[in-house]
C-alpha atoms as a PDB file:
ATOM      1  CA  MET A   1     -24.878 -35.887  16.216  1.00  0.00           C
ATOM      2  CA  PHE A   2     -26.278 -36.018  12.705  1.00  0.00           C
ATOM      3  CA  GLU A   3     -26.791 -39.504  11.244  1.00  0.00           C
ATOM      4  CA  ARG A   4     -26.954 -39.857   7.487  1.00  0.00           C
ATOM      5  CA  ARG A   5     -29.857 -42.058   6.505  1.00  0.00           C
ATOM      6  CA  ILE A   6     -31.018 -43.487   3.244  1.00  0.00           C
ATOM      7  CA  PRO A   7     -33.430 -40.944   1.680  1.00  0.00           C
ATOM      8  CA  GLY A   8     -37.062 -41.849   2.381  1.00  0.00           C
ATOM      9  CA  SER A   9     -36.105 -44.634   4.750  1.00  0.00           C
ATOM     10  CA  LEU A  10     -36.308 -45.238   8.468  1.00  0.00           C
ATOM     11  CA  GLU A  11     -33.789 -48.036   8.160  1.00  0.00           C
ATOM     12  CA  ARG A  12     -30.188 -48.161   9.266  1.00  0.00           C
ATOM     13  CA  PRO A  13     -27.904 -45.125   8.955  1.00  0.00           C
ATOM     14  CA  ILE A  14     -25.333 -45.117   6.161  1.00  0.00           C
ATOM     15  CA  GLU A  15     -22.199 -47.026   7.106  1.00  0.00           C
ATOM     16  CA  ARG A  16     -19.072 -45.726   5.331  1.00  0.00           C
ATOM     17  CA  VAL A  17     -16.522 -48.414   4.506  1.00  0.00           C
ATOM     18  CA  THR A  18     -13.082 -47.243   3.380  1.00  0.00           C
ATOM     19  CA  VAL A  19     -11.650 -49.125   0.410  1.00  0.00           C
ATOM     20  CA  MET A  20      -7.922 -49.222   0.988  1.00  0.00           C
ATOM     21  CA  GLN A  21      -5.152 -49.665  -1.574  1.00  0.00           C
ATOM     22  CA  GLY A  22      -5.116 -53.261  -2.754  1.00  0.00           C
ATOM     23  CA  GLN A  23      -8.753 -53.981  -1.872  1.00  0.00           C
ATOM     24  CA  ALA A  24     -11.859 -54.918  -3.823  1.00  0.00           C
ATOM     25  CA  LEU A  25     -15.145 -54.842  -1.880  1.00  0.00           C
ATOM     26  CA  VAL A  26     -18.653 -55.797  -3.017  1.00  0.00           C
ATOM     27  CA  SER A  27     -22.045 -55.324  -1.363  1.00  0.00           C
ATOM     28  CA  SER A  28     -25.774 -55.391  -2.000  1.00  0.00           C
ATOM     29  CA  GLU A  29     -26.645 -53.710   1.308  1.00  0.00           C
ATOM     30  CA  ALA A  30     -28.504 -50.392   0.957  1.00  0.00           C
ATOM     31  CA  HIS A  31     -26.859 -48.886   4.055  1.00  0.00           C
ATOM     32  CA  ILE A  32     -23.261 -49.421   2.825  1.00  0.00           C
ATOM     33  CA  GLU A  33     -21.233 -46.643   1.202  1.00  0.00           C
ATOM     34  CA  PHE A  34     -17.734 -47.348  -0.078  1.00  0.00           C
ATOM     35  CA  SER A  35     -15.287 -44.461   0.118  1.00  0.00           C
ATOM     36  CA  THR A  36     -11.684 -43.909  -0.966  1.00  0.00           C
ATOM     37  CA  VAL A  37      -9.174 -41.172  -1.733  1.00  0.00           C
ATOM     38  CA  LEU A  38      -7.082 -41.449  -4.892  1.00  0.00           C
ATOM     39  CA  GLY A  39      -3.981 -39.798  -6.284  1.00  0.00           C
ATOM     40  CA  SER A  40      -2.264 -41.797  -9.019  1.00  0.00           C
ATOM     41  CA  CYS A  41      -4.256 -44.876  -7.971  1.00  0.00           C
ATOM     42  CA  VAL A  42      -7.438 -45.828  -9.814  1.00  0.00           C
ATOM     43  CA  ALA A  43     -10.767 -46.970  -8.379  1.00  0.00           C
ATOM     44  CA  SER A  44     -13.211 -48.896 -10.514  1.00  0.00           C
ATOM     45  CA  CYS A  45     -16.826 -48.863  -9.368  1.00  0.00           C
ATOM     46  CA  LEU A  46     -19.001 -51.543 -10.949  1.00  0.00           C
ATOM     47  CA  TYR A  47     -22.765 -51.846 -10.604  1.00  0.00           C
ATOM     48  CA  ASP A  48     -25.443 -54.274 -11.815  1.00  0.00           C
ATOM     49  CA  PRO A  49     -28.755 -52.367 -11.753  1.00  0.00           C
ATOM     50  CA  GLU A  50     -30.901 -55.505 -11.939  1.00  0.00           C
ATOM     51  CA  ALA A  51     -29.116 -57.505  -9.220  1.00  0.00           C
ATOM     52  CA  ARG A  52     -28.616 -54.281  -7.192  1.00  0.00           C
ATOM     53  CA  VAL A  53     -25.058 -55.235  -6.334  1.00  0.00           C
ATOM     54  CA  GLY A  54     -21.959 -53.137  -6.753  1.00  0.00           C
ATOM     55  CA  GLY A  55     -18.316 -52.988  -5.839  1.00  0.00           C
ATOM     56  CA  MET A  56     -15.218 -50.832  -5.749  1.00  0.00           C
ATOM     57  CA  ASN A  57     -11.529 -51.601  -6.048  1.00  0.00           C
ATOM     58  CA  HIS A  58      -8.465 -49.413  -5.474  1.00  0.00           C
ATOM     59  CA  PHE A  59      -5.218 -50.289  -7.217  1.00  0.00           C
ATOM     60  CA  LEU A  60      -1.729 -48.813  -6.992  1.00  0.00           C
ATOM     61  CA  LEU A  61      -0.191 -50.006 -10.253  1.00  0.00           C
ATOM     62  CA  ALA A  62      -1.622 -51.492 -13.435  1.00  0.00           C
ATOM     63  CA  GLU A  63       0.537 -54.592 -13.915  1.00  0.00           C
ATOM     64  CA  PRO A  64       3.704 -56.084 -12.466  1.00  0.00           C
ATOM     65  CA  PRO A  65       6.907 -55.307 -14.341  1.00  0.00           C
ATOM     66  CA  SER A  66       7.665 -57.679 -17.193  1.00  0.00           C
ATOM     67  CA  GLY A  67      10.204 -60.328 -16.361  1.00  0.00           C
ATOM     68  CA  LEU A  68       8.813 -61.265 -12.947  1.00  0.00           C
ATOM     69  CA  SER A  69       8.943 -64.968 -12.323  1.00  0.00           C
ATOM     70  CA  ALA A  70       5.750 -66.938 -12.852  1.00  0.00           C
ATOM     71  CA  THR A  71       6.307 -68.397  -9.395  1.00  0.00           C
ATOM     72  CA  THR A  72       6.072 -64.959  -7.787  1.00  0.00           C
ATOM     73  CA  ALA A  73       3.064 -64.708  -5.470  1.00  0.00           C
ATOM     74  CA  VAL A  74       0.104 -62.661  -6.693  1.00  0.00           C
ATOM     75  CA  ASP A  75       0.361 -59.054  -5.525  1.00  0.00           C
ATOM     76  CA  GLU A  76      -3.084 -57.711  -4.749  1.00  0.00           C
ATOM     77  CA  HIS A  77      -1.978 -54.108  -5.312  1.00  0.00           C
ATOM     78  CA  TYR A  78      -1.970 -54.529  -9.107  1.00  0.00           C
ATOM     79  CA  GLY A  79      -4.967 -53.625 -11.245  1.00  0.00           C
ATOM     80  CA  VAL A  80      -4.652 -56.796 -13.291  1.00  0.00           C
ATOM     81  CA  TYR A  81      -5.516 -58.772 -10.142  1.00  0.00           C
ATOM     82  CA  LEU A  82      -8.018 -56.385  -8.556  1.00  0.00           C
ATOM     83  CA  MET A  83     -10.096 -55.899 -11.710  1.00  0.00           C
ATOM     84  CA  GLU A  84     -10.564 -59.662 -12.098  1.00  0.00           C
ATOM     85  CA  LEU A  85     -11.275 -60.025  -8.378  1.00  0.00           C
ATOM     86  CA  LEU A  86     -13.943 -57.293  -8.439  1.00  0.00           C
ATOM     87  CA  VAL A  87     -15.742 -58.767 -11.452  1.00  0.00           C
ATOM     88  CA  ASN A  88     -15.625 -62.298 -10.011  1.00  0.00           C
ATOM     89  CA  GLN A  89     -16.905 -61.192  -6.586  1.00  0.00           C
ATOM     90  CA  MET A  90     -19.816 -59.429  -8.267  1.00  0.00           C
ATOM     91  CA  LEU A  91     -20.654 -62.462 -10.382  1.00  0.00           C
ATOM     92  CA  GLY A  92     -20.604 -64.509  -7.184  1.00  0.00           C
ATOM     93  CA  MET A  93     -23.294 -62.224  -5.732  1.00  0.00           C
ATOM     94  CA  GLY A  94     -25.644 -62.619  -8.698  1.00  0.00           C
ATOM     95  CA  ALA A  95     -24.438 -59.916 -11.084  1.00  0.00           C
ATOM     96  CA  ARG A  96     -24.240 -60.625 -14.810  1.00  0.00           C
ATOM     97  CA  LYS A  97     -21.287 -59.375 -16.801  1.00  0.00           C
ATOM     98  CA  ALA A  98     -23.520 -58.129 -19.632  1.00  0.00           C
ATOM     99  CA  ARG A  99     -25.377 -55.846 -17.191  1.00  0.00           C
ATOM    100  CA  LEU A 100     -22.332 -54.363 -15.456  1.00  0.00           C
ATOM    101  CA  ARG A 101     -21.870 -50.612 -15.602  1.00  0.00           C
ATOM    102  CA  ALA A 102     -18.577 -48.960 -14.662  1.00  0.00           C
ATOM    103  CA  HIS A 103     -17.258 -45.680 -13.292  1.00  0.00           C
ATOM    104  CA  LEU A 104     -13.514 -44.953 -13.249  1.00  0.00           C
ATOM    105  CA  TYR A 105     -11.767 -42.406 -11.037  1.00  0.00           C
ATOM    106  CA  GLY A 106      -8.234 -41.323 -10.178  1.00  0.00           C
ATOM    107  CA  GLY A 107      -5.152 -41.736 -12.307  1.00  0.00           C
ATOM    108  CA  ALA A 108      -3.765 -38.296 -11.479  1.00  0.00           C
ATOM    109  CA  ASN A 109      -0.112 -37.474 -11.986  1.00  0.00           C
ATOM    110  CA  VAL A 110       0.167 -35.729  -8.629  1.00  0.00           C
ATOM    111  CA  ASN A 111       3.930 -35.202  -8.734  1.00  0.00           C
ATOM    112  CA  ARG A 112       5.142 -33.726 -11.994  1.00  0.00           C
ATOM    113  CA  ASN A 113       8.711 -34.932 -11.306  1.00  0.00           C
ATOM    114  CA  MET A 114       7.790 -38.616 -11.137  1.00  0.00           C
ATOM    115  CA  MET A 115       6.809 -41.199 -13.735  1.00  0.00           C
ATOM    116  CA  ARG A 116       3.315 -40.862 -15.158  1.00  0.00           C
ATOM    117  CA  ILE A 117       1.970 -43.714 -13.049  1.00  0.00           C
ATOM    118  CA  GLY A 118      -1.535 -42.247 -12.953  1.00  0.00           C
ATOM    119  CA  THR A 119      -1.766 -42.175 -16.741  1.00  0.00           C
ATOM    120  CA  ALA A 120      -0.635 -45.815 -16.981  1.00  0.00           C
ATOM    121  CA  ASN A 121      -3.203 -46.851 -14.345  1.00  0.00           C
ATOM    122  CA  ALA A 122      -6.033 -45.020 -16.115  1.00  0.00           C
ATOM    123  CA  GLU A 123      -5.155 -46.487 -19.514  1.00  0.00           C
ATOM    124  CA  PHE A 124      -4.987 -49.979 -18.038  1.00  0.00           C
ATOM    125  CA  ALA A 125      -8.454 -49.682 -16.421  1.00  0.00           C
ATOM    126  CA  GLN A 126     -10.029 -48.304 -19.609  1.00  0.00           C
ATOM    127  CA  GLY A 127      -8.474 -51.076 -21.697  1.00  0.00           C
ATOM    128  CA  PHE A 128      -9.538 -53.800 -19.263  1.00  0.00           C
ATOM    129  CA  LEU A 129     -13.177 -52.696 -19.286  1.00  0.00           C
ATOM    130  CA  GLN A 130     -13.188 -52.356 -23.070  1.00  0.00           C
ATOM    131  CA  ARG A 131     -11.737 -55.873 -23.523  1.00  0.00           C
ATOM    132  CA  GLU A 132     -14.318 -57.289 -21.086  1.00  0.00           C
ATOM    133  CA  GLY A 133     -17.217 -55.511 -22.809  1.00  0.00           C
ATOM    134  CA  ILE A 134     -18.180 -53.569 -19.660  1.00  0.00           C
ATOM    135  CA  VAL A 135     -19.835 -50.222 -20.406  1.00  0.00           C
ATOM    136  CA  VAL A 136     -18.174 -47.181 -18.826  1.00  0.00           C
ATOM    137  CA  MET A 137     -20.876 -44.734 -17.733  1.00  0.00           C
ATOM    138  CA  ARG A 138     -18.577 -42.044 -16.352  1.00  0.00           C
ATOM    139  CA  GLU A 139     -14.903 -41.445 -15.787  1.00  0.00           C
ATOM    140  CA  ASP A 140     -12.926 -38.726 -14.081  1.00  0.00           C
ATOM    141  CA  LEU A 141      -9.294 -39.608 -14.779  1.00  0.00           C
ATOM    142  CA  GLY A 142      -5.986 -37.800 -15.097  1.00  0.00           C
ATOM    143  CA  GLY A 143      -5.014 -34.292 -14.145  1.00  0.00           C
ATOM    144  CA  THR A 144      -2.867 -33.483 -11.132  1.00  0.00           C
ATOM    145  CA  ASN A 145      -5.387 -33.403  -8.260  1.00  0.00           C
ATOM    146  CA  ALA A 146      -6.394 -36.131  -5.849  1.00  0.00           C
ATOM    147  CA  ARG A 147     -10.032 -37.239  -5.696  1.00  0.00           C
ATOM    148  CA  ARG A 148     -12.408 -38.547  -3.056  1.00  0.00           C
ATOM    149  CA  VAL A 149     -14.969 -41.090  -4.272  1.00  0.00           C
ATOM    150  CA  ASP A 150     -18.113 -42.216  -2.406  1.00  0.00           C
ATOM    151  CA  PHE A 151     -20.119 -45.078  -3.911  1.00  0.00           C
ATOM    152  CA  ARG A 152     -23.337 -46.747  -2.754  1.00  0.00           C
ATOM    153  CA  PRO A 153     -23.076 -50.194  -4.315  1.00  0.00           C
ATOM    154  CA  ALA A 154     -26.712 -51.299  -3.946  1.00  0.00           C
ATOM    155  CA  SER A 155     -28.090 -48.249  -5.774  1.00  0.00           C
ATOM    156  CA  GLY A 156     -25.150 -47.329  -8.001  1.00  0.00           C
ATOM    157  CA  GLN A 157     -25.130 -43.741  -6.656  1.00  0.00           C
ATOM    158  CA  ILE A 158     -21.708 -42.159  -6.845  1.00  0.00           C
ATOM    159  CA  ARG A 159     -20.019 -38.883  -5.967  1.00  0.00           C
ATOM    160  CA  CYS A 160     -16.508 -37.802  -6.915  1.00  0.00           C
ATOM    161  CA  ARG A 161     -14.920 -34.664  -5.501  1.00  0.00           C
ATOM    162  CA  THR A 162     -11.561 -33.103  -6.279  1.00  0.00           C
ATOM    163  CA  VAL A 163      -9.295 -32.710  -3.274  1.00  0.00           C
ATOM    164  CA  GLU A 164      -7.570 -29.335  -3.254  1.00  0.00           C
ATOM    165  CA  ASP A 165      -3.772 -29.485  -3.380  1.00  0.00           C
ATOM    166  CA  ARG A 166      -3.492 -27.760  -0.023  1.00  0.00           C
ATOM    167  CA  LEU A 167      -5.650 -30.481   1.604  1.00  0.00           C
ATOM    168  CA  ALA A 168      -3.938 -33.461  -0.020  1.00  0.00           C
ATOM    169  CA  PRO A 169      -1.031 -35.030   1.842  1.00  0.00           C
ATOM    170  CA  PRO A 170       2.339 -34.067   0.333  1.00  0.00           C
ATOM    171  CA  VAL A 171       4.139 -36.584  -1.836  1.00  0.00           C
ATOM    172  CA  ASN A 172       7.770 -36.895  -0.780  1.00  0.00           C
ATOM    173  CA  PRO A 173       9.710 -39.128  -3.155  1.00  0.00           C
ATOM    174  CA  THR A 174      12.474 -41.047  -1.423  1.00  0.00           C
ATOM    175  CA  THR A 175      15.831 -42.077  -2.750  1.00  0.00           C
ATOM    176  CA  ARG A 176      15.492 -45.546  -4.248  1.00  0.00           C
ATOM    177  CA  PRO A 177      18.142 -48.231  -3.906  1.00  0.00           C
ATOM    178  CA  GLU A 178      19.806 -49.478  -7.091  1.00  0.00           C
ATOM    179  CA  ARG A 179      18.197 -52.872  -6.633  1.00  0.00           C
ATOM    180  CA  ALA A 180      14.792 -53.016  -4.980  1.00  0.00           C
ATOM    181  CA  SER A 181      13.992 -55.806  -2.578  1.00  0.00           C
ATOM    182  CA  GLY A 182      11.187 -56.590  -0.170  1.00  0.00           C
ATOM    183  CA  ASP A 183       7.848 -54.838   0.001  1.00  0.00           C
ATOM    184  CA  VAL A 184       7.047 -51.855  -2.193  1.00  0.00           C
ATOM    185  CA  GLU A 185       5.200 -48.867  -0.815  1.00  0.00           C
ATOM    186  CA  LEU A 186       4.240 -46.000  -3.112  1.00  0.00           C
ATOM    187  CA  PHE A 187       3.017 -42.637  -1.916  1.00  0.00           C
END
């Protein structure tokens, strides 16, 4: 079996950690590689080159609908929460906001018959980073294809690949009740 190792190193093999929807993970370990697959979701990858710490989040929707009660519990699937969480976790590991560099991926509108959720997610992430003064180094947003993103947080190395339509899981919209209640699951 082939083990992927850090180039030029006899250290530990690369350990792939999947970043699931609603997660924000941070690491400074050279052997860690964050990985995720995105459709309309967006992943933000942040990196501080001096502190050699980085992180990735994966959010489903930009913000909760207006009119939700202030007493409603925080939903970790929203970008408004996960962006703040990612930045704060990085600061807690020694990163400085002024040094942060960002990469944005996802935001596809994979089903042409549904709302343009991907576009809204991408616009939210771009606006958040602009308001926070975080430099965006690269983005691959929009379109109709899913993407796979691999990110090594300690070095800032990143790879984004388009997932062919025939390899992506089909999106089957379901009939929605007139009034939604309970947990929400998209795609």
